Amino acid sequence: MVAGGLWIALWRAWARLAGLIAVALGALWALATPMPDLLITGDGRHLALRMPGGELALLRDRAGDYVRDTLAENGGVDAELPALAEQRDARCSADLCMVTVMRGGREWRIAATRSGYRIPWREMVAFCASVDIIVADRWLPRGCVPKWLKLDRAKLSETGGVAITFDRTPQVVTVRRAGARHPWLEAETVMPPKD
């Protein structure tokens, strides 16, 4: 769309109308891109899940304005984000929240930790085995193996934030790409020698 807009702005003759093709293709591409059903921040503390009515619900009720605005913008929502614990299909305690949603012709069970308190190992392992996706802002035990995806501190440190679209073929998009090298990820810890 930007290239088409620049083409229209830079040319003066009838050839400038060719830029409308690029603008139209860009607009169609934007409209065809599905909105994510699940957004998870890179630290695992916050997630937003698309509910059946199209709104996004937040895991933590007390999320700040910046987190709320960022998740709403990335989810394509303008409205206020309600709490996940208040949703009909959610079962939440002070430590865990589990919600069941229908997407892509199947039922998805999504769970997330809500507190820093330790959950007994056997209970956590059994809980993990009963859900499709588990999200945590801490390290989960190795025995915690969900049916589809485990996003704990270890995994999120590799991927950064995650957006998941539950379609016929679920799609996971991560912030960090494999092989990406950024100076803030691998900063030098030793000052180089002076000449």
N, C-alpha and C. Protein backbone atom coordinates (compact mmCIF):
# COMPACT_ATOMS: atom_id res chain seq x y z
N MET A 1 0.82 -1.19 0.00
CA MET A 1 0.00 0.00 0.00
C MET A 1 0.87 1.26 0.00
N VAL A 2 1.96 1.21 0.77
CA VAL A 2 2.86 2.36 0.83
C VAL A 2 3.52 2.58 -0.53
N ALA A 3 3.97 1.49 -1.15
CA ALA A 3 4.61 1.63 -2.46
C ALA A 3 3.63 2.21 -3.48
N GLY A 4 2.39 1.75 -3.43
CA GLY A 4 1.38 2.30 -4.34
C GLY A 4 1.11 3.76 -4.07
N GLY A 5 1.07 4.14 -2.79
CA GLY A 5 0.87 5.55 -2.44
C GLY A 5 2.01 6.42 -2.90
N LEU A 6 3.24 5.92 -2.75
CA LEU A 6 4.41 6.67 -3.23
C LEU A 6 4.38 6.80 -4.75
N TRP A 7 4.00 5.73 -5.43
CA TRP A 7 3.91 5.77 -6.90
C TRP A 7 2.93 6.86 -7.34
N ILE A 8 1.78 6.90 -6.67
CA ILE A 8 0.77 7.91 -7.02
C ILE A 8 1.30 9.32 -6.73
N ALA A 9 2.01 9.48 -5.61
CA ALA A 9 2.50 10.80 -5.24
C ALA A 9 3.65 11.29 -6.12
N LEU A 10 4.48 10.38 -6.62
CA LEU A 10 5.67 10.79 -7.37
C LEU A 10 5.43 11.00 -8.86
N TRP A 11 4.50 10.29 -9.43
CA TRP A 11 4.25 10.42 -10.86
C TRP A 11 3.17 11.46 -11.11
N ARG A 12 3.24 12.11 -12.29
CA ARG A 12 2.27 13.15 -12.61
C ARG A 12 1.34 12.74 -13.75
N ALA A 13 1.76 11.91 -14.63
CA ALA A 13 0.96 11.55 -15.80
C ALA A 13 -0.03 10.45 -15.43
N TRP A 14 -0.68 9.92 -16.47
CA TRP A 14 -1.68 8.86 -16.26
C TRP A 14 -1.07 7.61 -15.64
N ALA A 15 0.28 7.43 -15.71
CA ALA A 15 0.96 6.26 -15.15
C ALA A 15 0.82 6.21 -13.63
N ARG A 16 0.51 7.35 -13.03
CA ARG A 16 0.35 7.36 -11.58
C ARG A 16 -0.82 6.50 -11.14
N LEU A 17 -1.80 6.27 -11.99
CA LEU A 17 -2.97 5.45 -11.63
C LEU A 17 -2.60 3.98 -11.43
N ALA A 18 -1.44 3.58 -11.96
CA ALA A 18 -0.98 2.20 -11.74
C ALA A 18 -0.72 1.94 -10.26
N GLY A 19 -0.45 2.99 -9.52
CA GLY A 19 -0.25 2.84 -8.08
C GLY A 19 -1.51 2.38 -7.35
N LEU A 20 -2.67 2.63 -7.93
CA LEU A 20 -3.93 2.18 -7.33
C LEU A 20 -3.99 0.65 -7.25
N ILE A 21 -3.33 -0.02 -8.18
CA ILE A 21 -3.32 -1.49 -8.17
C ILE A 21 -2.59 -1.99 -6.92
N ALA A 22 -1.43 -1.39 -6.62
CA ALA A 22 -0.68 -1.79 -5.43
C ALA A 22 -1.45 -1.46 -4.16
N VAL A 23 -2.13 -0.32 -4.14
CA VAL A 23 -2.93 0.05 -2.96
C VAL A 23 -4.07 -0.94 -2.78
N ALA A 24 -4.74 -1.31 -3.85
CA ALA A 24 -5.85 -2.27 -3.76
C ALA A 24 -5.37 -3.65 -3.33
N LEU A 25 -4.24 -4.10 -3.88
CA LEU A 25 -3.70 -5.40 -3.47
C LEU A 25 -3.31 -5.40 -2.00
N GLY A 26 -2.70 -4.32 -1.53
CA GLY A 26 -2.34 -4.21 -0.12
C GLY A 26 -3.56 -4.22 0.79
N ALA A 27 -4.62 -3.54 0.36
CA ALA A 27 -5.85 -3.51 1.16
C ALA A 27 -6.49 -4.89 1.21
N LEU A 28 -6.51 -5.60 0.09
CA LEU A 28 -7.06 -6.96 0.08
C LEU A 28 -6.25 -7.90 0.96
N TRP A 29 -4.94 -7.75 0.92
CA TRP A 29 -4.07 -8.59 1.74
C TRP A 29 -4.34 -8.33 3.23
N ALA A 30 -4.49 -7.05 3.60
CA ALA A 30 -4.76 -6.70 5.00
C ALA A 30 -6.10 -7.27 5.45
N LEU A 31 -7.10 -7.21 4.59
CA LEU A 31 -8.42 -7.74 4.95
C LEU A 31 -8.44 -9.26 5.02
N ALA A 32 -7.59 -9.92 4.23
CA ALA A 32 -7.57 -11.39 4.21
C ALA A 32 -6.76 -11.98 5.36
N THR A 33 -5.93 -11.17 6.02
CA THR A 33 -5.12 -11.66 7.13
C THR A 33 -6.01 -11.86 8.35
N PRO A 34 -6.06 -13.08 8.88
CA PRO A 34 -6.93 -13.32 10.04
C PRO A 34 -6.38 -12.66 11.30
N MET A 35 -7.30 -12.23 12.17
CA MET A 35 -6.89 -11.67 13.45
C MET A 35 -6.49 -12.83 14.37
N PRO A 36 -5.47 -12.65 15.19
CA PRO A 36 -5.05 -13.74 16.08
C PRO A 36 -6.11 -14.04 17.14
N ASP A 37 -6.21 -15.32 17.49
CA ASP A 37 -7.16 -15.75 18.52
C ASP A 37 -6.55 -15.70 19.91
N LEU A 38 -5.24 -15.80 20.00
CA LEU A 38 -4.56 -15.79 21.29
C LEU A 38 -3.28 -14.98 21.17
N LEU A 39 -3.12 -13.98 22.03
CA LEU A 39 -1.92 -13.16 22.07
C LEU A 39 -1.25 -13.35 23.43
N ILE A 40 0.05 -13.57 23.43
CA ILE A 40 0.80 -13.80 24.66
C ILE A 40 2.01 -12.88 24.66
N THR A 41 2.21 -12.16 25.75
CA THR A 41 3.37 -11.28 25.85
C THR A 41 4.64 -12.11 26.02
N GLY A 42 5.76 -11.51 25.73
CA GLY A 42 7.04 -12.22 25.76
C GLY A 42 7.46 -12.70 27.14
N ASP A 43 6.91 -12.11 28.19
CA ASP A 43 7.24 -12.57 29.54
C ASP A 43 6.25 -13.61 30.06
N GLY A 44 5.17 -13.86 29.33
CA GLY A 44 4.18 -14.87 29.73
C GLY A 44 3.21 -14.40 30.80
N ARG A 45 3.34 -13.17 31.26
CA ARG A 45 2.45 -12.68 32.32
C ARG A 45 1.06 -12.33 31.79
N HIS A 46 0.97 -11.90 30.56
CA HIS A 46 -0.31 -11.44 30.04
C HIS A 46 -0.68 -12.20 28.79
N LEU A 47 -1.95 -12.51 28.68
CA LEU A 47 -2.47 -13.07 27.44
C LEU A 47 -3.85 -12.53 27.20
N ALA A 48 -4.22 -12.48 25.95
CA ALA A 48 -5.56 -12.04 25.55
C ALA A 48 -6.12 -13.11 24.62
N LEU A 49 -7.32 -13.58 24.93
CA LEU A 49 -7.97 -14.64 24.17
C LEU A 49 -9.22 -14.11 23.52
N ARG A 50 -9.38 -14.39 22.22
CA ARG A 50 -10.57 -13.96 21.50
C ARG A 50 -11.74 -14.84 21.90
N MET A 51 -12.79 -14.20 22.34
CA MET A 51 -13.99 -14.90 22.79
C MET A 51 -14.96 -15.06 21.62
N PRO A 52 -16.03 -15.87 21.76
CA PRO A 52 -16.95 -16.11 20.64
C PRO A 52 -17.57 -14.85 20.05
N GLY A 53 -17.74 -13.80 20.85
CA GLY A 53 -18.31 -12.56 20.33
C GLY A 53 -17.32 -11.68 19.59
N GLY A 54 -16.04 -12.08 19.53
CA GLY A 54 -15.02 -11.31 18.83
C GLY A 54 -14.17 -10.45 19.73
N GLU A 55 -14.59 -10.23 20.98
CA GLU A 55 -13.80 -9.41 21.88
C GLU A 55 -12.64 -10.21 22.46
N LEU A 56 -11.63 -9.50 22.93
CA LEU A 56 -10.50 -10.14 23.58
C LEU A 56 -10.67 -10.03 25.09
N ALA A 57 -10.38 -11.11 25.79
CA ALA A 57 -10.45 -11.12 27.26
C ALA A 57 -9.04 -11.29 27.81
N LEU A 58 -8.72 -10.54 28.86
CA LEU A 58 -7.39 -10.55 29.47
C LEU A 58 -7.30 -11.51 30.64
N LEU A 59 -6.15 -12.16 30.77
CA LEU A 59 -5.90 -13.08 31.86
C LEU A 59 -5.86 -12.36 33.20
N ARG A 60 -5.13 -11.28 33.27
CA ARG A 60 -4.97 -10.54 34.53
C ARG A 60 -5.84 -9.29 34.51
N ASP A 61 -6.72 -9.19 35.49
CA ASP A 61 -7.65 -8.05 35.57
C ASP A 61 -6.91 -6.73 35.77
N ARG A 62 -5.77 -6.78 36.45
CA ARG A 62 -5.07 -5.57 36.81
C ARG A 62 -3.94 -5.22 35.84
N ALA A 63 -4.07 -5.60 34.60
CA ALA A 63 -3.06 -5.26 33.60
C ALA A 63 -3.08 -3.74 33.39
N GLY A 64 -1.91 -3.17 33.20
CA GLY A 64 -1.81 -1.73 33.01
C GLY A 64 -2.34 -1.27 31.66
N ASP A 65 -2.46 0.03 31.52
CA ASP A 65 -2.99 0.60 30.29
C ASP A 65 -2.13 0.27 29.08
N TYR A 66 -0.81 0.28 29.26
CA TYR A 66 0.08 -0.02 28.14
C TYR A 66 -0.15 -1.44 27.63
N VAL A 67 -0.23 -2.41 28.54
CA VAL A 67 -0.46 -3.81 28.14
C VAL A 67 -1.82 -3.93 27.49
N ARG A 68 -2.83 -3.33 28.07
CA ARG A 68 -4.19 -3.39 27.50
C ARG A 68 -4.23 -2.81 26.09
N ASP A 69 -3.62 -1.63 25.93
CA ASP A 69 -3.63 -0.98 24.62
C ASP A 69 -2.85 -1.78 23.59
N THR A 70 -1.71 -2.32 23.98
CA THR A 70 -0.89 -3.09 23.05
C THR A 70 -1.61 -4.35 22.60
N LEU A 71 -2.18 -5.09 23.54
CA LEU A 71 -2.89 -6.32 23.18
C LEU A 71 -4.14 -6.01 22.36
N ALA A 72 -4.86 -4.95 22.70
CA ALA A 72 -6.05 -4.58 21.92
C ALA A 72 -5.68 -4.20 20.50
N GLU A 73 -4.61 -3.41 20.35
CA GLU A 73 -4.18 -2.99 19.02
C GLU A 73 -3.73 -4.18 18.18
N ASN A 74 -2.93 -5.07 18.78
CA ASN A 74 -2.45 -6.24 18.03
C ASN A 74 -3.57 -7.23 17.74
N GLY A 75 -4.62 -7.21 18.54
CA GLY A 75 -5.77 -8.09 18.30
C GLY A 75 -6.84 -7.47 17.42
N GLY A 76 -6.65 -6.21 17.02
CA GLY A 76 -7.61 -5.55 16.15
C GLY A 76 -8.91 -5.20 16.85
N VAL A 77 -8.83 -4.80 18.14
CA VAL A 77 -10.02 -4.49 18.92
C VAL A 77 -9.91 -3.07 19.45
N ASP A 78 -11.02 -2.32 19.42
CA ASP A 78 -11.04 -0.96 19.96
C ASP A 78 -11.69 -0.90 21.34
N ALA A 79 -12.48 -1.89 21.68
CA ALA A 79 -13.25 -1.86 22.92
C ALA A 79 -12.38 -2.17 24.14
N GLU A 80 -12.93 -1.91 25.32
CA GLU A 80 -12.29 -2.26 26.59
C GLU A 80 -12.18 -3.78 26.69
N LEU A 81 -11.06 -4.28 27.20
CA LEU A 81 -10.84 -5.72 27.30
C LEU A 81 -11.36 -6.24 28.64
N PRO A 82 -12.37 -7.13 28.62
CA PRO A 82 -12.88 -7.67 29.88
C PRO A 82 -11.93 -8.72 30.46
N ALA A 83 -12.18 -9.10 31.70
CA ALA A 83 -11.36 -10.11 32.37
C ALA A 83 -11.74 -11.50 31.89
N LEU A 84 -10.76 -12.35 31.69
CA LEU A 84 -10.99 -13.73 31.27
C LEU A 84 -11.77 -14.50 32.33
N ALA A 85 -11.51 -14.21 33.59
CA ALA A 85 -12.18 -14.92 34.68
C ALA A 85 -13.69 -14.70 34.68
N GLU A 86 -14.15 -13.61 34.07
CA GLU A 86 -15.58 -13.30 34.02
C GLU A 86 -16.29 -13.95 32.83
N GLN A 87 -15.56 -14.62 31.97
CA GLN A 87 -16.17 -15.22 30.78
C GLN A 87 -16.86 -16.53 31.13
N ARG A 88 -17.88 -16.84 30.37
CA ARG A 88 -18.74 -18.00 30.65
C ARG A 88 -17.98 -19.32 30.63
N ASP A 89 -17.08 -19.51 29.69
CA ASP A 89 -16.39 -20.79 29.53
C ASP A 89 -15.06 -20.86 30.27
N ALA A 90 -14.81 -19.91 31.17
CA ALA A 90 -13.53 -19.88 31.90
C ALA A 90 -13.74 -20.36 33.34
N ARG A 91 -12.75 -21.11 33.79
CA ARG A 91 -12.69 -21.53 35.20
C ARG A 91 -11.36 -21.05 35.74
N CYS A 92 -11.42 -20.12 36.67
CA CYS A 92 -10.20 -19.50 37.16
C CYS A 92 -10.15 -19.54 38.69
N SER A 93 -8.94 -19.73 39.18
CA SER A 93 -8.65 -19.59 40.60
C SER A 93 -7.60 -18.49 40.73
N ALA A 94 -7.11 -18.29 41.92
CA ALA A 94 -6.07 -17.28 42.11
C ALA A 94 -4.76 -17.69 41.42
N ASP A 95 -4.55 -19.00 41.23
CA ASP A 95 -3.29 -19.50 40.68
C ASP A 95 -3.34 -19.89 39.20
N LEU A 96 -4.47 -20.41 38.74
CA LEU A 96 -4.59 -20.91 37.36
C LEU A 96 -5.90 -20.46 36.74
N CYS A 97 -5.88 -20.40 35.42
CA CYS A 97 -7.11 -20.10 34.68
C CYS A 97 -7.15 -21.05 33.49
N MET A 98 -8.31 -21.65 33.26
CA MET A 98 -8.49 -22.57 32.14
C MET A 98 -9.78 -22.18 31.42
N VAL A 99 -9.69 -22.11 30.11
CA VAL A 99 -10.86 -21.74 29.31
C VAL A 99 -10.95 -22.68 28.10
N THR A 100 -12.16 -22.98 27.70
CA THR A 100 -12.41 -23.83 26.54
C THR A 100 -13.07 -22.98 25.46
N VAL A 101 -12.51 -23.01 24.24
CA VAL A 101 -13.08 -22.28 23.11
C VAL A 101 -13.19 -23.20 21.91
N MET A 102 -14.17 -22.94 21.07
CA MET A 102 -14.35 -23.67 19.81
C MET A 102 -13.78 -22.83 18.68
N ARG A 103 -12.79 -23.35 17.98
CA ARG A 103 -12.19 -22.67 16.83
C ARG A 103 -11.73 -23.70 15.84
N GLY A 104 -11.86 -23.37 14.57
CA GLY A 104 -11.35 -24.25 13.51
C GLY A 104 -11.94 -25.64 13.55
N GLY A 105 -13.18 -25.76 14.00
CA GLY A 105 -13.85 -27.05 14.00
C GLY A 105 -13.46 -27.97 15.14
N ARG A 106 -12.77 -27.44 16.15
CA ARG A 106 -12.41 -28.28 17.29
C ARG A 106 -12.43 -27.47 18.58
N GLU A 107 -12.38 -28.19 19.67
CA GLU A 107 -12.37 -27.56 20.99
C GLU A 107 -10.93 -27.41 21.47
N TRP A 108 -10.59 -26.21 21.94
CA TRP A 108 -9.26 -25.92 22.45
C TRP A 108 -9.37 -25.62 23.93
N ARG A 109 -8.54 -26.28 24.71
CA ARG A 109 -8.46 -26.01 26.15
C ARG A 109 -7.15 -25.28 26.41
N ILE A 110 -7.27 -24.05 26.89
CA ILE A 110 -6.11 -23.18 27.09
C ILE A 110 -6.01 -22.86 28.58
N ALA A 111 -4.82 -23.00 29.12
CA ALA A 111 -4.60 -22.73 30.54
C ALA A 111 -3.44 -21.77 30.71
N ALA A 112 -3.48 -21.02 31.80
CA ALA A 112 -2.40 -20.08 32.11
C ALA A 112 -2.26 -19.92 33.61
N THR A 113 -1.03 -19.69 34.04
CA THR A 113 -0.80 -19.43 35.46
C THR A 113 -1.11 -17.96 35.73
N ARG A 114 -1.61 -17.70 36.94
CA ARG A 114 -1.98 -16.33 37.31
C ARG A 114 -1.21 -15.81 38.51
N SER A 115 -0.49 -16.65 39.20
CA SER A 115 0.26 -16.19 40.38
C SER A 115 1.64 -16.83 40.37
N GLY A 116 2.48 -16.38 41.26
CA GLY A 116 3.82 -16.94 41.37
C GLY A 116 3.92 -18.08 42.36
N TYR A 117 2.80 -18.48 42.92
CA TYR A 117 2.83 -19.54 43.93
C TYR A 117 3.07 -20.89 43.27
N ARG A 118 3.80 -21.71 43.98
CA ARG A 118 4.14 -23.05 43.49
C ARG A 118 2.92 -23.97 43.58
N ILE A 119 2.71 -24.71 42.52
CA ILE A 119 1.63 -25.69 42.46
C ILE A 119 2.28 -27.07 42.61
N PRO A 120 1.72 -27.95 43.44
CA PRO A 120 2.34 -29.27 43.61
C PRO A 120 2.59 -29.96 42.26
N TRP A 121 3.77 -30.62 42.19
CA TRP A 121 4.25 -31.19 40.94
C TRP A 121 3.23 -32.12 40.31
N ARG A 122 2.70 -33.07 41.05
CA ARG A 122 1.76 -34.05 40.48
C ARG A 122 0.50 -33.37 39.94
N GLU A 123 0.00 -32.40 40.68
CA GLU A 123 -1.18 -31.68 40.21
C GLU A 123 -0.89 -30.91 38.92
N MET A 124 0.28 -30.28 38.86
CA MET A 124 0.64 -29.50 37.68
C MET A 124 0.82 -30.39 36.46
N VAL A 125 1.47 -31.53 36.64
CA VAL A 125 1.68 -32.46 35.52
C VAL A 125 0.35 -32.99 35.02
N ALA A 126 -0.55 -33.35 35.92
CA ALA A 126 -1.87 -33.85 35.52
C ALA A 126 -2.68 -32.75 34.82
N PHE A 127 -2.58 -31.54 35.33
CA PHE A 127 -3.29 -30.41 34.72
C PHE A 127 -2.77 -30.15 33.32
N CYS A 128 -1.45 -30.16 33.15
CA CYS A 128 -0.85 -29.93 31.83
C CYS A 128 -1.33 -30.96 30.81
N ALA A 129 -1.42 -32.21 31.22
CA ALA A 129 -1.83 -33.27 30.31
C ALA A 129 -3.28 -33.12 29.86
N SER A 130 -4.07 -32.35 30.61
CA SER A 130 -5.49 -32.21 30.28
C SER A 130 -5.80 -31.03 29.36
N VAL A 131 -4.80 -30.19 29.05
CA VAL A 131 -5.04 -29.01 28.22
C VAL A 131 -4.26 -29.08 26.91
N ASP A 132 -4.68 -28.27 25.95
CA ASP A 132 -3.98 -28.21 24.65
C ASP A 132 -2.79 -27.24 24.70
N ILE A 133 -2.99 -26.11 25.37
CA ILE A 133 -1.96 -25.07 25.45
C ILE A 133 -1.85 -24.64 26.91
N ILE A 134 -0.61 -24.51 27.37
CA ILE A 134 -0.39 -23.94 28.71
C ILE A 134 0.60 -22.81 28.59
N VAL A 135 0.29 -21.70 29.27
CA VAL A 135 1.12 -20.50 29.25
C VAL A 135 1.49 -20.18 30.69
N ALA A 136 2.77 -19.88 30.91
CA ALA A 136 3.23 -19.55 32.26
C ALA A 136 4.33 -18.52 32.20
N ASP A 137 4.38 -17.67 33.22
CA ASP A 137 5.45 -16.69 33.31
C ASP A 137 6.63 -17.23 34.10
N ARG A 138 6.64 -18.52 34.36
CA ARG A 138 7.71 -19.19 35.10
C ARG A 138 8.07 -20.48 34.38
N TRP A 139 9.12 -21.15 34.87
CA TRP A 139 9.51 -22.43 34.30
C TRP A 139 8.53 -23.49 34.78
N LEU A 140 8.07 -24.31 33.87
CA LEU A 140 7.19 -25.42 34.23
C LEU A 140 8.02 -26.70 34.27
N PRO A 141 7.60 -27.68 35.07
CA PRO A 141 8.38 -28.92 35.15
C PRO A 141 8.43 -29.65 33.81
N ARG A 142 9.48 -30.45 33.61
CA ARG A 142 9.61 -31.21 32.35
C ARG A 142 8.43 -32.15 32.14
N GLY A 143 7.88 -32.65 33.22
CA GLY A 143 6.73 -33.55 33.11
C GLY A 143 5.46 -32.86 32.66
N CYS A 144 5.46 -31.55 32.63
CA CYS A 144 4.30 -30.78 32.17
C CYS A 144 4.29 -30.80 30.64
N VAL A 145 3.48 -31.68 30.08
CA VAL A 145 3.43 -31.84 28.62
C VAL A 145 1.97 -31.69 28.16
N PRO A 146 1.61 -30.52 27.64
CA PRO A 146 0.26 -30.35 27.12
C PRO A 146 0.09 -31.09 25.79
N LYS A 147 -1.13 -31.14 25.30
CA LYS A 147 -1.40 -31.86 24.06
C LYS A 147 -0.81 -31.17 22.83
N TRP A 148 -0.67 -29.84 22.87
CA TRP A 148 -0.20 -29.17 21.66
C TRP A 148 0.98 -28.22 21.90
N LEU A 149 0.91 -27.30 22.86
CA LEU A 149 1.93 -26.27 22.96
C LEU A 149 2.16 -25.85 24.41
N LYS A 150 3.43 -25.79 24.79
CA LYS A 150 3.84 -25.36 26.13
C LYS A 150 4.64 -24.07 25.99
N LEU A 151 4.12 -22.99 26.54
CA LEU A 151 4.79 -21.70 26.48
C LEU A 151 5.10 -21.23 27.90
N ASP A 152 6.26 -21.64 28.40
CA ASP A 152 6.69 -21.21 29.73
C ASP A 152 7.86 -20.24 29.57
N ARG A 153 8.48 -19.87 30.66
CA ARG A 153 9.57 -18.89 30.61
C ARG A 153 10.70 -19.34 29.68
N ALA A 154 11.03 -20.61 29.72
CA ALA A 154 12.11 -21.12 28.86
C ALA A 154 11.78 -20.94 27.38
N LYS A 155 10.61 -21.34 26.98
CA LYS A 155 10.21 -21.25 25.57
C LYS A 155 10.01 -19.80 25.14
N LEU A 156 9.36 -18.99 25.99
CA LEU A 156 9.11 -17.60 25.64
C LEU A 156 10.39 -16.78 25.57
N SER A 157 11.45 -17.20 26.28
CA SER A 157 12.73 -16.50 26.15
C SER A 157 13.33 -16.72 24.77
N GLU A 158 12.97 -17.82 24.12
CA GLU A 158 13.42 -18.10 22.74
C GLU A 158 12.54 -17.41 21.71
N THR A 159 11.23 -17.40 21.95
CA THR A 159 10.28 -16.92 20.95
C THR A 159 9.88 -15.47 21.08
N GLY A 160 9.95 -14.92 22.29
CA GLY A 160 9.37 -13.60 22.52
C GLY A 160 7.86 -13.74 22.53
N GLY A 161 7.16 -12.65 22.26
CA GLY A 161 5.70 -12.68 22.22
C GLY A 161 5.19 -13.64 21.15
N VAL A 162 3.99 -14.17 21.37
CA VAL A 162 3.42 -15.17 20.47
C VAL A 162 1.99 -14.79 20.10
N ALA A 163 1.64 -14.98 18.85
CA ALA A 163 0.26 -14.81 18.37
C ALA A 163 -0.16 -16.13 17.73
N ILE A 164 -1.30 -16.65 18.14
CA ILE A 164 -1.79 -17.93 17.63
C ILE A 164 -3.15 -17.72 16.98
N THR A 165 -3.30 -18.27 15.78
CA THR A 165 -4.59 -18.27 15.09
C THR A 165 -5.06 -19.71 15.00
N PHE A 166 -6.22 -19.99 15.57
CA PHE A 166 -6.79 -21.34 15.54
C PHE A 166 -7.67 -21.44 14.31
N ASP A 167 -7.12 -21.91 13.25
CA ASP A 167 -7.87 -22.12 12.02
C ASP A 167 -7.88 -23.61 11.77
N ARG A 168 -8.24 -24.03 10.58
CA ARG A 168 -8.17 -25.47 10.27
C ARG A 168 -6.76 -25.99 10.50
N THR A 169 -5.79 -25.18 10.12
CA THR A 169 -4.39 -25.49 10.44
C THR A 169 -3.90 -24.36 11.33
N PRO A 170 -3.77 -24.60 12.64
CA PRO A 170 -3.36 -23.54 13.56
C PRO A 170 -2.01 -22.95 13.16
N GLN A 171 -1.89 -21.65 13.36
CA GLN A 171 -0.68 -20.94 12.97
C GLN A 171 -0.11 -20.21 14.19
N VAL A 172 1.17 -20.38 14.42
CA VAL A 172 1.87 -19.72 15.52
C VAL A 172 2.87 -18.74 14.92
N VAL A 173 2.77 -17.47 15.33
CA VAL A 173 3.69 -16.44 14.87
C VAL A 173 4.43 -15.91 16.10
N THR A 174 5.76 -15.89 16.03
CA THR A 174 6.56 -15.43 17.15
C THR A 174 7.24 -14.11 16.81
N VAL A 175 7.60 -13.37 17.85
CA VAL A 175 8.30 -12.10 17.64
C VAL A 175 9.72 -12.35 17.18
N ARG A 176 10.42 -13.24 17.89
CA ARG A 176 11.80 -13.55 17.52
C ARG A 176 11.82 -14.68 16.51
N ARG A 177 12.63 -14.52 15.51
CA ARG A 177 12.79 -15.54 14.48
C ARG A 177 14.07 -16.34 14.77
N ALA A 178 14.10 -17.56 14.33
CA ALA A 178 15.30 -18.39 14.51
C ALA A 178 16.48 -17.76 13.78
N GLY A 179 17.59 -17.67 14.46
CA GLY A 179 18.79 -17.11 13.84
C GLY A 179 18.88 -15.60 13.90
N ALA A 180 17.85 -14.92 14.43
CA ALA A 180 17.89 -13.47 14.51
C ALA A 180 18.95 -13.05 15.53
N ARG A 181 19.77 -12.09 15.14
CA ARG A 181 20.82 -11.62 16.04
C ARG A 181 20.58 -10.13 16.29
N HIS A 182 20.36 -9.78 17.54
CA HIS A 182 20.16 -8.39 17.93
C HIS A 182 21.15 -8.05 19.03
N PRO A 183 21.71 -6.86 19.01
CA PRO A 183 22.72 -6.52 20.02
C PRO A 183 22.18 -6.55 21.44
N TRP A 184 20.89 -6.29 21.64
CA TRP A 184 20.36 -6.29 22.99
C TRP A 184 20.09 -7.70 23.52
N LEU A 185 20.10 -8.71 22.64
CA LEU A 185 19.93 -10.08 23.08
C LEU A 185 21.24 -10.70 23.53
N GLU A 186 22.31 -10.36 22.84
CA GLU A 186 23.62 -10.92 23.15
C GLU A 186 24.61 -9.78 23.33
N ALA A 187 24.37 -8.95 24.34
CA ALA A 187 25.23 -7.80 24.57
C ALA A 187 26.59 -8.25 25.09
N GLU A 188 27.61 -7.51 24.71
CA GLU A 188 28.96 -7.83 25.19
C GLU A 188 29.04 -7.52 26.67
N THR A 189 29.67 -8.42 27.40
CA THR A 189 29.79 -8.23 28.85
C THR A 189 31.18 -7.76 29.25
N VAL A 190 32.12 -7.80 28.33
CA VAL A 190 33.49 -7.39 28.61
C VAL A 190 33.82 -6.21 27.71
N MET A 191 34.39 -5.18 28.30
CA MET A 191 34.76 -4.01 27.50
C MET A 191 35.94 -4.39 26.60
N PRO A 192 35.88 -4.06 25.31
CA PRO A 192 36.99 -4.38 24.41
C PRO A 192 38.23 -3.60 24.80
N PRO A 193 39.42 -4.14 24.53
CA PRO A 193 40.67 -3.43 24.89
C PRO A 193 40.81 -2.13 24.11
N LYS A 194 41.41 -1.13 24.75
CA LYS A 194 41.64 0.15 24.07
C LYS A 194 42.90 0.06 23.24
N ASP A 195 42.91 0.75 22.13
CA ASP A 195 44.09 0.78 21.26
C ASP A 195 45.13 1.71 21.83
